[in-house]
Amino acid sequence: MASKPYIASGKYIDRMGNYCKKCKYDPAKSVGEDACPFTTMYWDFLMRHEKLLSSNPRMGMQVRNLKRLSDDAKKDIKSQANAFRLSLKMI
């Protein structure tokens, strides 16, 4: 049984295969018109579940990476994630 929840940013997906090769989104960006939805949602998921994930020793590094983000960056990511969720509800 795995002890690490499996979540991944667009950058990780890009490194692990050729899935991003023809994609219009930039896997390194979490905000903006060309931001990768996987990257945006990765950071949003970590922020929303930071308390729970911080208790998992295998997720410590990922949760600590949140501290590198400014409050403004976190706000922008949350806004981008919410906009993405709303766009999915229109389909």
PDB file of N, CA and C in Angstrom:
ATOM      1  N   MET A   1       0.845  -1.182   0.000  1.00  0.00           N
ATOM      2  CA  MET A   1       0.000   0.000   0.000  1.00  0.00           C
ATOM      3  C   MET A   1       0.883   1.235   0.000  1.00  0.00           C
ATOM      4  N   ALA A   2       0.540   2.182  -0.797  1.00  0.00           N
ATOM      5  CA  ALA A   2       1.322   3.412  -0.893  1.00  0.00           C
ATOM      6  C   ALA A   2       1.010   4.327   0.284  1.00  0.00           C
ATOM      7  N   SER A   3       2.026   5.016   0.756  1.00  0.00           N
ATOM      8  CA  SER A   3       1.825   5.944   1.864  1.00  0.00           C
ATOM      9  C   SER A   3       1.830   7.392   1.393  1.00  0.00           C
ATOM     10  N   LYS A   4       2.059   7.623   0.119  1.00  0.00           N
ATOM     11  CA  LYS A   4       2.112   8.975  -0.414  1.00  0.00           C
ATOM     12  C   LYS A   4       0.911   9.214  -1.329  1.00  0.00           C
ATOM     13  N   PRO A   5       0.092  10.204  -0.985  1.00  0.00           N
ATOM     14  CA  PRO A   5      -1.000  10.539  -1.904  1.00  0.00           C
ATOM     15  C   PRO A   5      -0.393  10.966  -3.243  1.00  0.00           C
ATOM     16  N   TYR A   6      -0.966  10.540  -4.324  1.00  0.00           N
ATOM     17  CA  TYR A   6      -0.367  10.838  -5.617  1.00  0.00           C
ATOM     18  C   TYR A   6      -1.070  12.022  -6.254  1.00  0.00           C
ATOM     19  N   ILE A   7      -0.410  13.151  -6.203  1.00  0.00           N
ATOM     20  CA  ILE A   7      -0.859  14.353  -6.897  1.00  0.00           C
ATOM     21  C   ILE A   7       0.346  14.878  -7.661  1.00  0.00           C
ATOM     22  N   ALA A   8       0.097  15.551  -8.755  1.00  0.00           N
ATOM     23  CA  ALA A   8       1.224  16.008  -9.568  1.00  0.00           C
ATOM     24  C   ALA A   8       0.906  17.331 -10.250  1.00  0.00           C
ATOM     25  N   SER A   9       1.935  18.139 -10.372  1.00  0.00           N
ATOM     26  CA  SER A   9       1.806  19.398 -11.104  1.00  0.00           C
ATOM     27  C   SER A   9       2.019  19.135 -12.594  1.00  0.00           C
ATOM     28  N   GLY A  10       1.714  20.130 -13.389  1.00  0.00           N
ATOM     29  CA  GLY A  10       1.948  20.020 -14.825  1.00  0.00           C
ATOM     30  C   GLY A  10       3.418  19.811 -15.148  1.00  0.00           C
ATOM     31  N   LYS A  11       4.298  20.432 -14.358  1.00  0.00           N
ATOM     32  CA  LYS A  11       5.736  20.265 -14.603  1.00  0.00           C
ATOM     33  C   LYS A  11       6.156  18.807 -14.426  1.00  0.00           C
ATOM     34  N   TYR A  12       5.599  18.149 -13.427  1.00  0.00           N
ATOM     35  CA  TYR A  12       5.922  16.741 -13.195  1.00  0.00           C
ATOM     36  C   TYR A  12       5.386  15.880 -14.347  1.00  0.00           C
ATOM     37  N   ILE A  13       4.167  16.150 -14.750  1.00  0.00           N
ATOM     38  CA  ILE A  13       3.568  15.406 -15.865  1.00  0.00           C
ATOM     39  C   ILE A  13       4.408  15.594 -17.126  1.00  0.00           C
ATOM     40  N   ASP A  14       4.862  16.818 -17.352  1.00  0.00           N
ATOM     41  CA  ASP A  14       5.700  17.121 -18.516  1.00  0.00           C
ATOM     42  C   ASP A  14       7.014  16.336 -18.473  1.00  0.00           C
ATOM     43  N   ARG A  15       7.624  16.255 -17.289  1.00  0.00           N
ATOM     44  CA  ARG A  15       8.894  15.524 -17.148  1.00  0.00           C
ATOM     45  C   ARG A  15       8.729  14.020 -17.340  1.00  0.00           C
ATOM     46  N   MET A  16       7.576  13.503 -16.976  1.00  0.00           N
ATOM     47  CA  MET A  16       7.368  12.056 -16.987  1.00  0.00           C
ATOM     48  C   MET A  16       6.893  11.511 -18.333  1.00  0.00           C
ATOM     49  N   GLY A  17       6.632  12.365 -19.284  1.00  0.00           N
ATOM     50  CA  GLY A  17       6.160  11.866 -20.579  1.00  0.00           C
ATOM     51  C   GLY A  17       6.097  12.980 -21.604  1.00  0.00           C
ATOM     52  N   ASN A  18       5.415  12.708 -22.680  1.00  0.00           N
ATOM     53  CA  ASN A  18       5.307  13.706 -23.742  1.00  0.00           C
ATOM     54  C   ASN A  18       3.881  14.258 -23.839  1.00  0.00           C
ATOM     55  N   TYR A  19       3.147  14.182 -22.751  1.00  0.00           N
ATOM     56  CA  TYR A  19       1.750  14.608 -22.741  1.00  0.00           C
ATOM     57  C   TYR A  19       1.585  16.101 -23.011  1.00  0.00           C
ATOM     58  N   CYS A  20       2.568  16.894 -22.638  1.00  0.00           N
ATOM     59  CA  CYS A  20       2.450  18.349 -22.740  1.00  0.00           C
ATOM     60  C   CYS A  20       3.011  18.907 -24.048  1.00  0.00           C
ATOM     61  N   LYS A  21       3.547  18.061 -24.857  1.00  0.00           N
ATOM     62  CA  LYS A  21       4.269  18.502 -26.050  1.00  0.00           C
ATOM     63  C   LYS A  21       3.454  19.442 -26.943  1.00  0.00           C
ATOM     64  N   LYS A  22       2.221  19.111 -27.217  1.00  0.00           N
ATOM     65  CA  LYS A  22       1.404  19.914 -28.123  1.00  0.00           C
ATOM     66  C   LYS A  22       0.338  20.720 -27.388  1.00  0.00           C
ATOM     67  N   CYS A  23       0.437  20.794 -26.088  1.00  0.00           N
ATOM     68  CA  CYS A  23      -0.552  21.497 -25.280  1.00  0.00           C
ATOM     69  C   CYS A  23      -0.322  23.006 -25.341  1.00  0.00           C
ATOM     70  N   LYS A  24      -1.399  23.763 -25.329  1.00  0.00           N
ATOM     71  CA  LYS A  24      -1.288  25.222 -25.380  1.00  0.00           C
ATOM     72  C   LYS A  24      -0.926  25.827 -24.028  1.00  0.00           C
ATOM     73  N   TYR A  25      -0.974  25.022 -22.974  1.00  0.00           N
ATOM     74  CA  TYR A  25      -0.682  25.523 -21.637  1.00  0.00           C
ATOM     75  C   TYR A  25       0.780  25.307 -21.275  1.00  0.00           C
ATOM     76  N   ASP A  26       1.300  26.196 -20.429  1.00  0.00           N
ATOM     77  CA  ASP A  26       2.679  26.109 -19.952  1.00  0.00           C
ATOM     78  C   ASP A  26       2.673  25.376 -18.614  1.00  0.00           C
ATOM     79  N   PRO A  27       3.267  24.184 -18.549  1.00  0.00           N
ATOM     80  CA  PRO A  27       3.214  23.409 -17.306  1.00  0.00           C
ATOM     81  C   PRO A  27       3.935  24.070 -16.127  1.00  0.00           C
ATOM     82  N   ALA A  28       4.757  25.070 -16.395  1.00  0.00           N
ATOM     83  CA  ALA A  28       5.473  25.758 -15.318  1.00  0.00           C
ATOM     84  C   ALA A  28       4.649  26.890 -14.703  1.00  0.00           C
ATOM     85  N   LYS A  29       3.529  27.239 -15.318  1.00  0.00           N
ATOM     86  CA  LYS A  29       2.732  28.368 -14.842  1.00  0.00           C
ATOM     87  C   LYS A  29       1.467  27.905 -14.129  1.00  0.00           C
ATOM     88  N   SER A  30       1.181  28.587 -13.008  1.00  0.00           N
ATOM     89  CA  SER A  30      -0.035  28.257 -12.264  1.00  0.00           C
ATOM     90  C   SER A  30      -1.098  29.336 -12.390  1.00  0.00           C
ATOM     91  N   VAL A  31      -0.742  30.503 -12.920  1.00  0.00           N
ATOM     92  CA  VAL A  31      -1.715  31.577 -13.143  1.00  0.00           C
ATOM     93  C   VAL A  31      -1.475  32.216 -14.504  1.00  0.00           C
ATOM     94  N   GLY A  32      -2.537  32.777 -15.055  1.00  0.00           N
ATOM     95  CA  GLY A  32      -2.457  33.429 -16.354  1.00  0.00           C
ATOM     96  C   GLY A  32      -3.215  32.643 -17.401  1.00  0.00           C
ATOM     97  N   GLU A  33      -3.366  33.254 -18.575  1.00  0.00           N
ATOM     98  CA  GLU A  33      -4.130  32.625 -19.657  1.00  0.00           C
ATOM     99  C   GLU A  33      -3.523  31.308 -20.126  1.00  0.00           C
ATOM    100  N   ASP A  34      -2.195  31.218 -20.081  1.00  0.00           N
ATOM    101  CA  ASP A  34      -1.540  29.997 -20.546  1.00  0.00           C
ATOM    102  C   ASP A  34      -1.085  29.092 -19.397  1.00  0.00           C
ATOM    103  N   ALA A  35      -1.646  29.324 -18.198  1.00  0.00           N
ATOM    104  CA  ALA A  35      -1.301  28.495 -17.038  1.00  0.00           C
ATOM    105  C   ALA A  35      -1.854  27.089 -17.209  1.00  0.00           C
ATOM    106  N   CYS A  36      -1.073  26.113 -16.813  1.00  0.00           N
ATOM    107  CA  CYS A  36      -1.496  24.719 -16.899  1.00  0.00           C
ATOM    108  C   CYS A  36      -2.536  24.424 -15.810  1.00  0.00           C
ATOM    109  N   PRO A  37      -3.709  23.934 -16.191  1.00  0.00           N
ATOM    110  CA  PRO A  37      -4.721  23.610 -15.187  1.00  0.00           C
ATOM    111  C   PRO A  37      -4.232  22.588 -14.156  1.00  0.00           C
ATOM    112  N   PHE A  38      -3.383  21.662 -14.569  1.00  0.00           N
ATOM    113  CA  PHE A  38      -2.858  20.685 -13.608  1.00  0.00           C
ATOM    114  C   PHE A  38      -1.999  21.368 -12.553  1.00  0.00           C
ATOM    115  N   THR A  39      -1.188  22.327 -12.960  1.00  0.00           N
ATOM    116  CA  THR A  39      -0.324  23.047 -12.021  1.00  0.00           C
ATOM    117  C   THR A  39      -1.171  23.908 -11.089  1.00  0.00           C
ATOM    118  N   THR A  40      -2.128  24.615 -11.650  1.00  0.00           N
ATOM    119  CA  THR A  40      -3.022  25.446 -10.837  1.00  0.00           C
ATOM    120  C   THR A  40      -3.739  24.600  -9.799  1.00  0.00           C
ATOM    121  N   MET A  41      -4.327  23.498 -10.244  1.00  0.00           N
ATOM    122  CA  MET A  41      -5.108  22.674  -9.335  1.00  0.00           C
ATOM    123  C   MET A  41      -4.227  21.932  -8.324  1.00  0.00           C
ATOM    124  N   TYR A  42      -2.986  21.631  -8.709  1.00  0.00           N
ATOM    125  CA  TYR A  42      -2.030  21.015  -7.784  1.00  0.00           C
ATOM    126  C   TYR A  42      -1.800  21.929  -6.586  1.00  0.00           C
ATOM    127  N   TRP A  43      -1.449  23.195  -6.855  1.00  0.00           N
ATOM    128  CA  TRP A  43      -1.189  24.134  -5.765  1.00  0.00           C
ATOM    129  C   TRP A  43      -2.443  24.414  -4.964  1.00  0.00           C
ATOM    130  N   ASP A  44      -3.567  24.519  -5.632  1.00  0.00           N
ATOM    131  CA  ASP A  44      -4.826  24.758  -4.934  1.00  0.00           C
ATOM    132  C   ASP A  44      -5.159  23.592  -4.002  1.00  0.00           C
ATOM    133  N   PHE A  45      -4.960  22.365  -4.485  1.00  0.00           N
ATOM    134  CA  PHE A  45      -5.218  21.176  -3.662  1.00  0.00           C
ATOM    135  C   PHE A  45      -4.320  21.178  -2.427  1.00  0.00           C
ATOM    136  N   LEU A  46      -3.033  21.484  -2.620  1.00  0.00           N
ATOM    137  CA  LEU A  46      -2.116  21.531  -1.478  1.00  0.00           C
ATOM    138  C   LEU A  46      -2.540  22.588  -0.464  1.00  0.00           C
ATOM    139  N   MET A  47      -2.964  23.742  -0.954  1.00  0.00           N
ATOM    140  CA  MET A  47      -3.392  24.798  -0.027  1.00  0.00           C
ATOM    141  C   MET A  47      -4.651  24.402   0.724  1.00  0.00           C
ATOM    142  N   ARG A  48      -5.613  23.816   0.024  1.00  0.00           N
ATOM    143  CA  ARG A  48      -6.878  23.445   0.666  1.00  0.00           C
ATOM    144  C   ARG A  48      -6.706  22.319   1.682  1.00  0.00           C
ATOM    145  N   HIS A  49      -5.719  21.461   1.482  1.00  0.00           N
ATOM    146  CA  HIS A  49      -5.543  20.297   2.346  1.00  0.00           C
ATOM    147  C   HIS A  49      -4.210  20.324   3.097  1.00  0.00           C
ATOM    148  N   GLU A  50      -3.656  21.520   3.250  1.00  0.00           N
ATOM    149  CA  GLU A  50      -2.334  21.652   3.874  1.00  0.00           C
ATOM    150  C   GLU A  50      -2.265  21.005   5.251  1.00  0.00           C
ATOM    151  N   LYS A  51      -3.247  21.245   6.075  1.00  0.00           N
ATOM    152  CA  LYS A  51      -3.228  20.696   7.435  1.00  0.00           C
ATOM    153  C   LYS A  51      -3.199  19.172   7.419  1.00  0.00           C
ATOM    154  N   LEU A  52      -4.071  18.578   6.648  1.00  0.00           N
ATOM    155  CA  LEU A  52      -4.134  17.115   6.561  1.00  0.00           C
ATOM    156  C   LEU A  52      -2.845  16.543   5.962  1.00  0.00           C
ATOM    157  N   LEU A  53      -2.387  17.132   4.872  1.00  0.00           N
ATOM    158  CA  LEU A  53      -1.202  16.603   4.181  1.00  0.00           C
ATOM    159  C   LEU A  53       0.077  16.806   4.979  1.00  0.00           C
ATOM    160  N   SER A  54       0.122  17.848   5.806  1.00  0.00           N
ATOM    161  CA  SER A  54       1.335  18.092   6.580  1.00  0.00           C
ATOM    162  C   SER A  54       1.577  17.009   7.629  1.00  0.00           C
ATOM    163  N   SER A  55       0.536  16.263   7.969  1.00  0.00           N
ATOM    164  CA  SER A  55       0.709  15.173   8.941  1.00  0.00           C
ATOM    165  C   SER A  55       1.235  13.896   8.286  1.00  0.00           C
ATOM    166  N   ASN A  56       1.311  13.887   6.959  1.00  0.00           N
ATOM    167  CA  ASN A  56       1.849  12.737   6.241  1.00  0.00           C
ATOM    168  C   ASN A  56       3.335  12.988   5.963  1.00  0.00           C
ATOM    169  N   PRO A  57       4.229  12.185   6.542  1.00  0.00           N
ATOM    170  CA  PRO A  57       5.670  12.425   6.372  1.00  0.00           C
ATOM    171  C   PRO A  57       6.131  12.415   4.910  1.00  0.00           C
ATOM    172  N   ARG A  58       5.432  11.680   4.066  1.00  0.00           N
ATOM    173  CA  ARG A  58       5.828  11.613   2.653  1.00  0.00           C
ATOM    174  C   ARG A  58       5.436  12.861   1.875  1.00  0.00           C
ATOM    175  N   MET A  59       4.577  13.698   2.452  1.00  0.00           N
ATOM    176  CA  MET A  59       4.121  14.906   1.763  1.00  0.00           C
ATOM    177  C   MET A  59       4.767  16.171   2.313  1.00  0.00           C
ATOM    178  N   GLY A  60       5.655  16.020   3.264  1.00  0.00           N
ATOM    179  CA  GLY A  60       6.275  17.174   3.917  1.00  0.00           C
ATOM    180  C   GLY A  60       6.931  18.153   2.964  1.00  0.00           C
ATOM    181  N   MET A  61       7.701  17.655   2.029  1.00  0.00           N
ATOM    182  CA  MET A  61       8.401  18.545   1.105  1.00  0.00           C
ATOM    183  C   MET A  61       7.414  19.339   0.253  1.00  0.00           C
ATOM    184  N   GLN A  62       6.382  18.681  -0.241  1.00  0.00           N
ATOM    185  CA  GLN A  62       5.399  19.362  -1.073  1.00  0.00           C
ATOM    186  C   GLN A  62       4.683  20.460  -0.286  1.00  0.00           C
ATOM    187  N   VAL A  63       4.297  20.147   0.947  1.00  0.00           N
ATOM    188  CA  VAL A  63       3.616  21.134   1.776  1.00  0.00           C
ATOM    189  C   VAL A  63       4.564  22.282   2.126  1.00  0.00           C
ATOM    190  N   ARG A  64       5.816  21.984   2.409  1.00  0.00           N
ATOM    191  CA  ARG A  64       6.790  23.050   2.706  1.00  0.00           C
ATOM    192  C   ARG A  64       6.992  23.970   1.508  1.00  0.00           C
ATOM    193  N   ASN A  65       6.830  23.456   0.301  1.00  0.00           N
ATOM    194  CA  ASN A  65       6.960  24.297  -0.891  1.00  0.00           C
ATOM    195  C   ASN A  65       5.903  25.394  -0.932  1.00  0.00           C
ATOM    196  N   LEU A  66       4.801  25.212  -0.238  1.00  0.00           N
ATOM    197  CA  LEU A  66       3.788  26.261  -0.167  1.00  0.00           C
ATOM    198  C   LEU A  66       4.346  27.525   0.470  1.00  0.00           C
ATOM    199  N   LYS A  67       5.289  27.368   1.378  1.00  0.00           N
ATOM    200  CA  LYS A  67       5.860  28.519   2.074  1.00  0.00           C
ATOM    201  C   LYS A  67       6.658  29.424   1.133  1.00  0.00           C
ATOM    202  N   ARG A  68       7.052  28.879  -0.022  1.00  0.00           N
ATOM    203  CA  ARG A  68       7.773  29.690  -1.013  1.00  0.00           C
ATOM    204  C   ARG A  68       6.849  30.662  -1.728  1.00  0.00           C
ATOM    205  N   LEU A  69       5.563  30.399  -1.688  1.00  0.00           N
ATOM    206  CA  LEU A  69       4.597  31.232  -2.397  1.00  0.00           C
ATOM    207  C   LEU A  69       4.189  32.427  -1.538  1.00  0.00           C
ATOM    208  N   SER A  70       4.136  33.590  -2.164  1.00  0.00           N
ATOM    209  CA  SER A  70       3.673  34.780  -1.452  1.00  0.00           C
ATOM    210  C   SER A  70       2.161  34.683  -1.240  1.00  0.00           C
ATOM    211  N   ASP A  71       1.656  35.522  -0.347  1.00  0.00           N
ATOM    212  CA  ASP A  71       0.206  35.549  -0.121  1.00  0.00           C
ATOM    213  C   ASP A  71      -0.529  35.948  -1.401  1.00  0.00           C
ATOM    214  N   ASP A  72       0.046  36.879  -2.155  1.00  0.00           N
ATOM    215  CA  ASP A  72      -0.569  37.293  -3.417  1.00  0.00           C
ATOM    216  C   ASP A  72      -0.606  36.143  -4.417  1.00  0.00           C
ATOM    217  N   ALA A  73       0.488  35.384  -4.494  1.00  0.00           N
ATOM    218  CA  ALA A  73       0.533  34.239  -5.414  1.00  0.00           C
ATOM    219  C   ALA A  73      -0.515  33.206  -5.024  1.00  0.00           C
ATOM    220  N   LYS A  74      -0.656  32.942  -3.739  1.00  0.00           N
ATOM    221  CA  LYS A  74      -1.666  31.992  -3.272  1.00  0.00           C
ATOM    222  C   LYS A  74      -3.072  32.469  -3.625  1.00  0.00           C
ATOM    223  N   LYS A  75      -3.310  33.760  -3.452  1.00  0.00           N
ATOM    224  CA  LYS A  75      -4.615  34.333  -3.783  1.00  0.00           C
ATOM    225  C   LYS A  75      -4.896  34.186  -5.280  1.00  0.00           C
ATOM    226  N   ASP A  76      -3.899  34.466  -6.096  1.00  0.00           N
ATOM    227  CA  ASP A  76      -4.062  34.348  -7.555  1.00  0.00           C
ATOM    228  C   ASP A  76      -4.328  32.901  -7.970  1.00  0.00           C
ATOM    229  N   ILE A  77      -3.638  31.961  -7.340  1.00  0.00           N
ATOM    230  CA  ILE A  77      -3.840  30.539  -7.653  1.00  0.00           C
ATOM    231  C   ILE A  77      -5.262  30.117  -7.276  1.00  0.00           C
ATOM    232  N   LYS A  78      -5.707  30.521  -6.090  1.00  0.00           N
ATOM    233  CA  LYS A  78      -7.074  30.181  -5.668  1.00  0.00           C
ATOM    234  C   LYS A  78      -8.101  30.753  -6.631  1.00  0.00           C
ATOM    235  N   SER A  79      -7.876  31.980  -7.069  1.00  0.00           N
ATOM    236  CA  SER A  79      -8.798  32.615  -8.006  1.00  0.00           C
ATOM    237  C   SER A  79      -8.807  31.872  -9.350  1.00  0.00           C
ATOM    238  N   GLN A  80      -7.617  31.516  -9.834  1.00  0.00           N
ATOM    239  CA  GLN A  80      -7.512  30.787 -11.105  1.00  0.00           C
ATOM    240  C   GLN A  80      -8.180  29.411 -10.980  1.00  0.00           C
ATOM    241  N   ALA A  81      -7.974  28.743  -9.859  1.00  0.00           N
ATOM    242  CA  ALA A  81      -8.583  27.419  -9.643  1.00  0.00           C
ATOM    243  C   ALA A  81     -10.108  27.527  -9.608  1.00  0.00           C
ATOM    244  N   ASN A  82     -10.628  28.549  -8.936  1.00  0.00           N
ATOM    245  CA  ASN A  82     -12.077  28.731  -8.881  1.00  0.00           C
ATOM    246  C   ASN A  82     -12.647  29.029 -10.261  1.00  0.00           C
ATOM    247  N   ALA A  83     -11.943  29.844 -11.040  1.00  0.00           N
ATOM    248  CA  ALA A  83     -12.393  30.135 -12.408  1.00  0.00           C
ATOM    249  C   ALA A  83     -12.400  28.861 -13.245  1.00  0.00           C
ATOM    250  N   PHE A  84     -11.401  28.035 -13.062  1.00  0.00           N
ATOM    251  CA  PHE A  84     -11.330  26.773 -13.791  1.00  0.00           C
ATOM    252  C   PHE A  84     -12.502  25.863 -13.409  1.00  0.00           C
ATOM    253  N   ARG A  85     -12.792  25.782 -12.107  1.00  0.00           N
ATOM    254  CA  ARG A  85     -13.923  24.970 -11.658  1.00  0.00           C
ATOM    255  C   ARG A  85     -15.234  25.465 -12.254  1.00  0.00           C
ATOM    256  N   LEU A  86     -15.417  26.786 -12.267  1.00  0.00           N
ATOM    257  CA  LEU A  86     -16.636  27.365 -12.840  1.00  0.00           C
ATOM    258  C   LEU A  86     -16.754  27.046 -14.325  1.00  0.00           C
ATOM    259  N   SER A  87     -15.633  27.076 -15.039  1.00  0.00           N
ATOM    260  CA  SER A  87     -15.677  26.787 -16.473  1.00  0.00           C
ATOM    261  C   SER A  87     -16.084  25.342 -16.730  1.00  0.00           C
ATOM    262  N   LEU A  88     -15.732  24.442 -15.842  1.00  0.00           N
ATOM    263  CA  LEU A  88     -16.112  23.045 -15.999  1.00  0.00           C
ATOM    264  C   LEU A  88     -17.604  22.837 -15.777  1.00  0.00           C
ATOM    265  N   LYS A  89     -18.199  23.642 -14.923  1.00  0.00           N
ATOM    266  CA  LYS A  89     -19.640  23.516 -14.643  1.00  0.00           C
ATOM    267  C   LYS A  89     -20.479  23.971 -15.813  1.00  0.00           C
ATOM    268  N   MET A  90     -19.884  24.743 -16.728  1.00  0.00           N
ATOM    269  CA  MET A  90     -20.622  25.237 -17.895  1.00  0.00           C
ATOM    270  C   MET A  90     -20.715  24.195 -18.995  1.00  0.00           C
ATOM    271  N   ILE A  91     -19.928  23.173 -18.918  1.00  0.00           N
ATOM    272  CA  ILE A  91     -19.895  22.148 -19.971  1.00  0.00           C
ATOM    273  C   ILE A  91     -21.109  21.254 -19.861  1.00  0.00           C
TER     274      ILE A  91
END
